Amino acid sequence: MVNVRSPWVFQDLVEELDRMTRDMGWAFGGTSSYPESVVSGLEIQDDEARLNLDLPGVQESDLELVLEDNLLKVVARREDSHLEAEDVLLRERSFGEFSRAYRLPWTVREEDVEARFEKGVLHLRLKRAPESAPRKIQITTK
């Protein structure tokens, strides 16, 4: 079955309402307006964490990483690829600014963060700070 759509004055409003109903996080203080825009995988081990984020259509210059108090925040911007003079009947790709925040279970020093962005995928490796690692305490007797 083929759906034929004609230009409609209220199309932008309908798309915005559709986006809002798919992502109710915006109403409750969520960090992302576009949940389908980012696919991530976070692996936490004893001494390091690895995070991979799929960010199709995002340029490296449009990425921002902030690490503060064990909270890693990734902010990205994706520009609209259509010119304003073009008539767009249907747009399934999101654009704008979106973010994700990840709470780490231990402290990470900034110099122990490795970030690599290639082919639309952001790879992060965050090493646990030595001072936050568990230490065995020696017990002495008198």
N, C-alpha and C. Protein backbone atom coordinates (compact mmCIF):
# COMPACT_ATOMS: atom_id res chain seq x y z
N MET A 1 0.84 -1.18 0.00
CA MET A 1 0.00 0.00 0.00
C MET A 1 0.88 1.24 0.00
N VAL A 2 0.55 2.21 -0.80
CA VAL A 2 1.31 3.44 -0.93
C VAL A 2 0.53 4.57 -0.29
N ASN A 3 1.16 5.29 0.59
CA ASN A 3 0.54 6.46 1.19
C ASN A 3 1.00 7.70 0.44
N VAL A 4 0.08 8.47 -0.05
CA VAL A 4 0.40 9.71 -0.74
C VAL A 4 0.03 10.84 0.19
N ARG A 5 0.99 11.69 0.47
CA ARG A 5 0.75 12.80 1.38
C ARG A 5 0.82 14.10 0.61
N SER A 6 -0.06 14.98 0.90
CA SER A 6 -0.02 16.29 0.27
C SER A 6 0.47 17.32 1.28
N PRO A 7 1.03 18.42 0.83
CA PRO A 7 1.49 19.45 1.76
C PRO A 7 0.33 19.91 2.64
N TRP A 8 0.62 20.10 3.91
CA TRP A 8 -0.42 20.47 4.85
C TRP A 8 0.11 21.56 5.76
N VAL A 9 -0.67 22.54 6.00
CA VAL A 9 -0.25 23.69 6.77
C VAL A 9 0.18 23.30 8.18
N PHE A 10 -0.46 22.33 8.78
CA PHE A 10 -0.19 21.96 10.17
C PHE A 10 0.81 20.80 10.32
N GLN A 11 1.52 20.45 9.26
CA GLN A 11 2.42 19.30 9.31
C GLN A 11 3.49 19.46 10.39
N ASP A 12 4.08 20.65 10.50
CA ASP A 12 5.12 20.87 11.51
C ASP A 12 4.57 20.66 12.92
N LEU A 13 3.37 21.12 13.16
CA LEU A 13 2.75 20.95 14.47
C LEU A 13 2.49 19.47 14.76
N VAL A 14 2.01 18.75 13.79
CA VAL A 14 1.75 17.32 13.96
C VAL A 14 3.05 16.57 14.24
N GLU A 15 4.13 16.90 13.54
CA GLU A 15 5.42 16.24 13.76
C GLU A 15 5.96 16.55 15.16
N GLU A 16 5.78 17.80 15.61
CA GLU A 16 6.24 18.16 16.94
C GLU A 16 5.46 17.42 18.02
N LEU A 17 4.15 17.32 17.87
CA LEU A 17 3.32 16.59 18.82
C LEU A 17 3.67 15.10 18.82
N ASP A 18 3.96 14.56 17.64
CA ASP A 18 4.37 13.16 17.55
C ASP A 18 5.68 12.92 18.28
N ARG A 19 6.64 13.83 18.08
CA ARG A 19 7.92 13.72 18.76
C ARG A 19 7.73 13.80 20.28
N MET A 20 6.89 14.70 20.74
CA MET A 20 6.67 14.87 22.18
C MET A 20 6.02 13.64 22.80
N THR A 21 5.11 13.00 22.09
CA THR A 21 4.45 11.82 22.65
C THR A 21 5.37 10.61 22.64
N ARG A 22 6.33 10.56 21.73
CA ARG A 22 7.28 9.46 21.72
C ARG A 22 8.31 9.61 22.82
N ASP A 23 8.58 10.83 23.25
CA ASP A 23 9.60 11.07 24.26
C ASP A 23 9.04 11.94 25.37
N MET A 24 8.42 11.31 26.35
CA MET A 24 7.85 12.07 27.45
C MET A 24 8.92 12.53 28.43
N GLY A 25 10.17 12.16 28.21
CA GLY A 25 11.25 12.59 29.10
C GLY A 25 11.39 14.10 29.16
N TRP A 26 11.05 14.80 28.09
CA TRP A 26 11.17 16.26 28.09
C TRP A 26 10.29 16.88 29.16
N ALA A 27 9.16 16.27 29.46
CA ALA A 27 8.23 16.82 30.45
C ALA A 27 8.69 16.58 31.88
N PHE A 28 9.56 15.59 32.08
CA PHE A 28 10.00 15.23 33.42
C PHE A 28 11.47 15.50 33.63
N GLY A 29 12.01 16.46 32.90
CA GLY A 29 13.41 16.84 33.10
C GLY A 29 14.40 15.91 32.45
N GLY A 30 13.99 15.17 31.44
CA GLY A 30 14.90 14.26 30.74
C GLY A 30 15.97 15.02 30.00
N THR A 31 17.02 14.33 29.58
CA THR A 31 18.15 14.99 28.93
C THR A 31 18.09 14.92 27.42
N SER A 32 17.17 14.17 26.86
CA SER A 32 17.16 14.00 25.42
C SER A 32 15.82 14.34 24.82
N SER A 33 15.88 15.04 23.71
CA SER A 33 14.66 15.33 22.97
C SER A 33 14.47 14.35 21.82
N TYR A 34 15.51 13.62 21.48
CA TYR A 34 15.46 12.74 20.32
C TYR A 34 15.99 11.36 20.70
N PRO A 35 15.17 10.53 21.33
CA PRO A 35 15.69 9.25 21.80
C PRO A 35 16.17 8.32 20.70
N GLU A 36 15.62 8.45 19.51
CA GLU A 36 16.04 7.55 18.44
C GLU A 36 17.33 8.01 17.78
N SER A 37 17.84 9.16 18.16
CA SER A 37 19.02 9.72 17.53
C SER A 37 20.32 9.09 18.00
N VAL A 38 20.32 8.55 19.21
CA VAL A 38 21.55 8.06 19.79
C VAL A 38 21.36 6.62 20.26
N VAL A 39 22.24 5.77 19.79
CA VAL A 39 22.27 4.39 20.28
C VAL A 39 23.58 4.27 21.03
N SER A 40 23.51 3.83 22.28
CA SER A 40 24.73 3.78 23.07
C SER A 40 24.88 2.44 23.77
N GLY A 41 26.11 2.18 24.14
CA GLY A 41 26.42 0.99 24.91
C GLY A 41 27.48 1.36 25.93
N LEU A 42 27.18 1.16 27.21
CA LEU A 42 28.12 1.47 28.28
C LEU A 42 28.50 0.18 28.99
N GLU A 43 29.80 -0.09 29.04
CA GLU A 43 30.31 -1.27 29.74
C GLU A 43 31.18 -0.78 30.89
N ILE A 44 30.82 -1.21 32.10
CA ILE A 44 31.60 -0.81 33.27
C ILE A 44 32.27 -2.03 33.86
N GLN A 45 33.59 -1.94 33.99
CA GLN A 45 34.38 -3.00 34.59
C GLN A 45 35.01 -2.47 35.88
N ASP A 46 35.84 -3.27 36.54
CA ASP A 46 36.45 -2.83 37.80
C ASP A 46 37.36 -1.62 37.63
N ASP A 47 38.13 -1.57 36.54
CA ASP A 47 39.13 -0.53 36.40
C ASP A 47 38.89 0.46 35.26
N GLU A 48 37.87 0.24 34.45
CA GLU A 48 37.58 1.18 33.37
C GLU A 48 36.14 1.04 32.88
N ALA A 49 35.71 2.07 32.17
CA ALA A 49 34.39 2.04 31.53
C ALA A 49 34.60 2.36 30.06
N ARG A 50 33.80 1.72 29.22
CA ARG A 50 33.84 1.97 27.78
C ARG A 50 32.45 2.36 27.32
N LEU A 51 32.39 3.42 26.54
CA LEU A 51 31.11 3.92 26.04
C LEU A 51 31.22 4.09 24.53
N ASN A 52 30.26 3.54 23.81
CA ASN A 52 30.19 3.71 22.36
C ASN A 52 28.85 4.35 22.03
N LEU A 53 28.89 5.45 21.28
CA LEU A 53 27.68 6.17 20.90
C LEU A 53 27.61 6.28 19.39
N ASP A 54 26.50 5.82 18.81
CA ASP A 54 26.27 6.01 17.38
C ASP A 54 25.67 7.39 17.18
N LEU A 55 26.36 8.24 16.42
CA LEU A 55 25.92 9.61 16.18
C LEU A 55 25.93 9.91 14.69
N PRO A 56 25.05 9.28 13.92
CA PRO A 56 25.05 9.51 12.47
C PRO A 56 24.69 10.96 12.14
N GLY A 57 25.43 11.51 11.21
CA GLY A 57 25.15 12.87 10.75
C GLY A 57 25.74 13.96 11.63
N VAL A 58 26.42 13.60 12.70
CA VAL A 58 27.03 14.58 13.60
C VAL A 58 28.49 14.76 13.23
N GLN A 59 28.94 16.01 13.19
CA GLN A 59 30.34 16.30 12.92
C GLN A 59 31.12 16.36 14.23
N GLU A 60 32.40 16.07 14.19
CA GLU A 60 33.22 16.09 15.40
C GLU A 60 33.19 17.47 16.07
N SER A 61 33.13 18.52 15.27
CA SER A 61 33.10 19.88 15.82
C SER A 61 31.78 20.19 16.53
N ASP A 62 30.76 19.37 16.33
CA ASP A 62 29.46 19.58 16.97
C ASP A 62 29.26 18.69 18.19
N LEU A 63 30.35 18.13 18.72
CA LEU A 63 30.31 17.28 19.91
C LEU A 63 30.94 17.99 21.09
N GLU A 64 30.36 17.79 22.27
CA GLU A 64 30.93 18.35 23.49
C GLU A 64 30.85 17.28 24.58
N LEU A 65 31.98 17.05 25.25
CA LEU A 65 32.05 16.08 26.34
C LEU A 65 32.39 16.83 27.63
N VAL A 66 31.61 16.59 28.68
CA VAL A 66 31.86 17.23 29.97
C VAL A 66 31.87 16.14 31.04
N LEU A 67 32.93 16.14 31.86
CA LEU A 67 33.05 15.19 32.96
C LEU A 67 33.14 15.98 34.25
N GLU A 68 32.15 15.79 35.13
CA GLU A 68 32.13 16.52 36.39
C GLU A 68 31.44 15.67 37.46
N ASP A 69 32.14 15.48 38.59
CA ASP A 69 31.59 14.73 39.72
C ASP A 69 31.03 13.37 39.31
N ASN A 70 31.81 12.59 38.61
CA ASN A 70 31.43 11.24 38.16
C ASN A 70 30.27 11.23 37.17
N LEU A 71 29.90 12.37 36.63
CA LEU A 71 28.84 12.45 35.64
C LEU A 71 29.45 12.83 34.29
N LEU A 72 29.28 11.95 33.31
CA LEU A 72 29.76 12.22 31.96
C LEU A 72 28.57 12.68 31.14
N LYS A 73 28.68 13.85 30.55
CA LYS A 73 27.60 14.38 29.72
C LYS A 73 28.12 14.55 28.29
N VAL A 74 27.36 14.01 27.34
CA VAL A 74 27.69 14.11 25.92
C VAL A 74 26.61 14.96 25.27
N VAL A 75 27.02 16.07 24.65
CA VAL A 75 26.10 16.97 23.96
C VAL A 75 26.49 16.97 22.49
N ALA A 76 25.50 16.81 21.61
CA ALA A 76 25.77 16.80 20.17
C ALA A 76 24.71 17.63 19.45
N ARG A 77 25.10 18.18 18.33
CA ARG A 77 24.19 18.96 17.49
C ARG A 77 24.22 18.40 16.07
N ARG A 78 23.05 18.29 15.48
CA ARG A 78 22.94 17.84 14.10
C ARG A 78 22.16 18.91 13.34
N GLU A 79 22.73 19.37 12.26
CA GLU A 79 22.10 20.42 11.47
C GLU A 79 21.07 19.83 10.51
N ASP A 80 20.08 20.65 10.18
CA ASP A 80 19.07 20.26 9.19
C ASP A 80 19.71 20.33 7.81
N SER A 81 19.60 19.28 7.05
CA SER A 81 20.26 19.23 5.74
C SER A 81 19.42 19.85 4.63
N HIS A 82 18.19 20.26 4.93
CA HIS A 82 17.34 20.84 3.91
C HIS A 82 17.40 22.36 3.94
N LEU A 83 17.31 22.94 2.77
CA LEU A 83 17.26 24.39 2.67
C LEU A 83 15.86 24.87 3.02
N GLU A 84 15.76 26.07 3.56
CA GLU A 84 14.44 26.57 3.94
C GLU A 84 13.54 26.78 2.72
N ALA A 85 14.13 26.96 1.56
CA ALA A 85 13.34 27.19 0.35
C ALA A 85 12.73 25.90 -0.19
N GLU A 86 13.21 24.75 0.30
CA GLU A 86 12.69 23.48 -0.19
C GLU A 86 11.37 23.14 0.50
N ASP A 87 10.48 22.50 -0.23
CA ASP A 87 9.25 21.99 0.35
C ASP A 87 9.51 20.55 0.79
N VAL A 88 9.32 20.29 2.06
CA VAL A 88 9.54 18.96 2.61
C VAL A 88 8.19 18.39 3.01
N LEU A 89 7.83 17.25 2.44
CA LEU A 89 6.55 16.64 2.76
C LEU A 89 6.64 15.73 3.98
N LEU A 90 7.77 15.06 4.14
CA LEU A 90 7.93 14.13 5.25
C LEU A 90 9.39 14.15 5.69
N ARG A 91 9.63 14.29 6.98
CA ARG A 91 10.99 14.31 7.49
C ARG A 91 11.07 13.31 8.63
N GLU A 92 11.88 12.25 8.45
CA GLU A 92 12.02 11.22 9.47
C GLU A 92 13.33 11.34 10.23
N ARG A 93 14.22 12.21 9.79
CA ARG A 93 15.50 12.40 10.47
C ARG A 93 15.38 13.57 11.43
N SER A 94 15.85 13.39 12.62
CA SER A 94 15.80 14.47 13.60
C SER A 94 17.03 15.35 13.47
N PHE A 95 16.90 16.57 13.94
CA PHE A 95 18.03 17.48 13.97
C PHE A 95 17.86 18.39 15.17
N GLY A 96 18.92 19.08 15.49
CA GLY A 96 18.91 19.94 16.66
C GLY A 96 19.95 19.47 17.66
N GLU A 97 19.80 19.88 18.92
CA GLU A 97 20.74 19.50 19.97
C GLU A 97 20.12 18.43 20.85
N PHE A 98 20.91 17.46 21.22
CA PHE A 98 20.47 16.42 22.13
C PHE A 98 21.63 16.05 23.04
N SER A 99 21.32 15.41 24.16
CA SER A 99 22.38 15.05 25.10
C SER A 99 22.04 13.76 25.82
N ARG A 100 23.08 13.16 26.37
CA ARG A 100 22.96 11.98 27.20
C ARG A 100 23.88 12.19 28.40
N ALA A 101 23.46 11.69 29.55
CA ALA A 101 24.29 11.79 30.75
C ALA A 101 24.45 10.39 31.34
N TYR A 102 25.66 10.09 31.78
CA TYR A 102 25.98 8.78 32.34
C TYR A 102 26.66 8.97 33.69
N ARG A 103 26.10 8.39 34.73
CA ARG A 103 26.69 8.45 36.08
C ARG A 103 27.66 7.28 36.21
N LEU A 104 28.92 7.58 36.50
CA LEU A 104 29.94 6.55 36.67
C LEU A 104 30.04 6.17 38.14
N PRO A 105 30.33 4.91 38.44
CA PRO A 105 30.35 4.46 39.83
C PRO A 105 31.61 4.86 40.60
N TRP A 106 32.59 5.42 39.91
CA TRP A 106 33.82 5.82 40.55
C TRP A 106 34.41 7.04 39.84
N THR A 107 35.43 7.62 40.45
CA THR A 107 36.06 8.84 39.94
C THR A 107 36.95 8.54 38.74
N VAL A 108 36.94 9.47 37.78
CA VAL A 108 37.80 9.39 36.60
C VAL A 108 38.57 10.71 36.49
N ARG A 109 39.87 10.62 36.28
CA ARG A 109 40.65 11.83 36.04
C ARG A 109 40.56 12.19 34.56
N GLU A 110 40.54 13.47 34.28
CA GLU A 110 40.40 13.95 32.90
C GLU A 110 41.51 13.41 31.99
N GLU A 111 42.72 13.31 32.51
CA GLU A 111 43.83 12.81 31.68
C GLU A 111 43.73 11.32 31.41
N ASP A 112 42.81 10.63 32.11
CA ASP A 112 42.62 9.20 31.89
C ASP A 112 41.42 8.90 30.97
N VAL A 113 40.98 9.89 30.21
CA VAL A 113 39.86 9.71 29.29
C VAL A 113 40.41 9.68 27.86
N GLU A 114 40.04 8.64 27.13
CA GLU A 114 40.41 8.55 25.72
C GLU A 114 39.13 8.67 24.90
N ALA A 115 39.08 9.64 23.98
CA ALA A 115 37.90 9.84 23.13
C ALA A 115 38.33 9.77 21.67
N ARG A 116 37.60 8.97 20.90
CA ARG A 116 37.88 8.80 19.47
C ARG A 116 36.55 8.87 18.73
N PHE A 117 36.51 9.62 17.64
CA PHE A 117 35.29 9.75 16.84
C PHE A 117 35.62 9.36 15.41
N GLU A 118 35.01 8.26 14.96
CA GLU A 118 35.27 7.82 13.58
C GLU A 118 34.02 7.21 12.97
N LYS A 119 33.74 7.61 11.75
CA LYS A 119 32.62 7.09 10.98
C LYS A 119 31.29 7.21 11.72
N GLY A 120 31.10 8.33 12.42
CA GLY A 120 29.84 8.58 13.11
C GLY A 120 29.67 7.86 14.43
N VAL A 121 30.74 7.26 14.94
CA VAL A 121 30.67 6.55 16.23
C VAL A 121 31.69 7.18 17.18
N LEU A 122 31.22 7.56 18.36
CA LEU A 122 32.10 8.09 19.40
C LEU A 122 32.48 6.95 20.33
N HIS A 123 33.79 6.74 20.50
CA HIS A 123 34.32 5.69 21.38
C HIS A 123 35.00 6.38 22.56
N LEU A 124 34.56 6.07 23.76
CA LEU A 124 35.18 6.64 24.96
C LEU A 124 35.71 5.52 25.85
N ARG A 125 36.86 5.76 26.41
CA ARG A 125 37.45 4.84 27.38
C ARG A 125 37.81 5.68 28.60
N LEU A 126 37.21 5.36 29.73
CA LEU A 126 37.40 6.13 30.95
C LEU A 126 38.03 5.23 32.01
N LYS A 127 39.27 5.53 32.38
CA LYS A 127 39.98 4.70 33.36
C LYS A 127 39.67 5.18 34.77
N ARG A 128 39.51 4.24 35.65
CA ARG A 128 39.24 4.54 37.05
C ARG A 128 40.46 5.21 37.69
N ALA A 129 40.22 6.28 38.44
CA ALA A 129 41.30 6.96 39.13
C ALA A 129 41.87 6.04 40.20
N PRO A 130 43.20 5.94 40.30
CA PRO A 130 43.81 5.03 41.28
C PRO A 130 43.36 5.30 42.71
N GLU A 131 43.14 6.56 43.06
CA GLU A 131 42.75 6.87 44.43
C GLU A 131 41.34 6.40 44.77
N SER A 132 40.52 6.09 43.75
CA SER A 132 39.16 5.60 44.02
C SER A 132 39.07 4.08 44.02
N ALA A 133 40.19 3.43 43.72
CA ALA A 133 40.21 1.96 43.71
C ALA A 133 40.21 1.43 45.14
N PRO A 134 39.60 0.28 45.37
CA PRO A 134 39.61 -0.29 46.72
C PRO A 134 41.03 -0.67 47.14
N ARG A 135 41.33 -0.44 48.40
CA ARG A 135 42.66 -0.77 48.92
C ARG A 135 42.50 -1.70 50.12
N LYS A 136 43.39 -2.61 50.21
CA LYS A 136 43.38 -3.53 51.36
C LYS A 136 44.08 -2.83 52.54
N ILE A 137 43.43 -2.90 53.67
CA ILE A 137 43.98 -2.25 54.86
C ILE A 137 44.69 -3.30 55.72
N GLN A 138 45.91 -2.99 56.05
CA GLN A 138 46.71 -3.90 56.86
C GLN A 138 46.30 -3.78 58.32
N ILE A 139 46.06 -4.91 58.95
CA ILE A 139 45.68 -4.92 60.36
C ILE A 139 46.89 -5.36 61.17
N THR A 140 47.21 -4.58 62.21
CA THR A 140 48.34 -4.92 63.06
C THR A 140 47.85 -5.24 64.47
N THR A 141 48.60 -6.05 65.14
CA THR A 141 48.28 -6.38 66.53
C THR A 141 49.36 -5.82 67.43
N LYS A 142 49.03 -5.53 68.66
CA LYS A 142 50.01 -4.98 69.60
C LYS A 142 50.71 -6.05 70.34
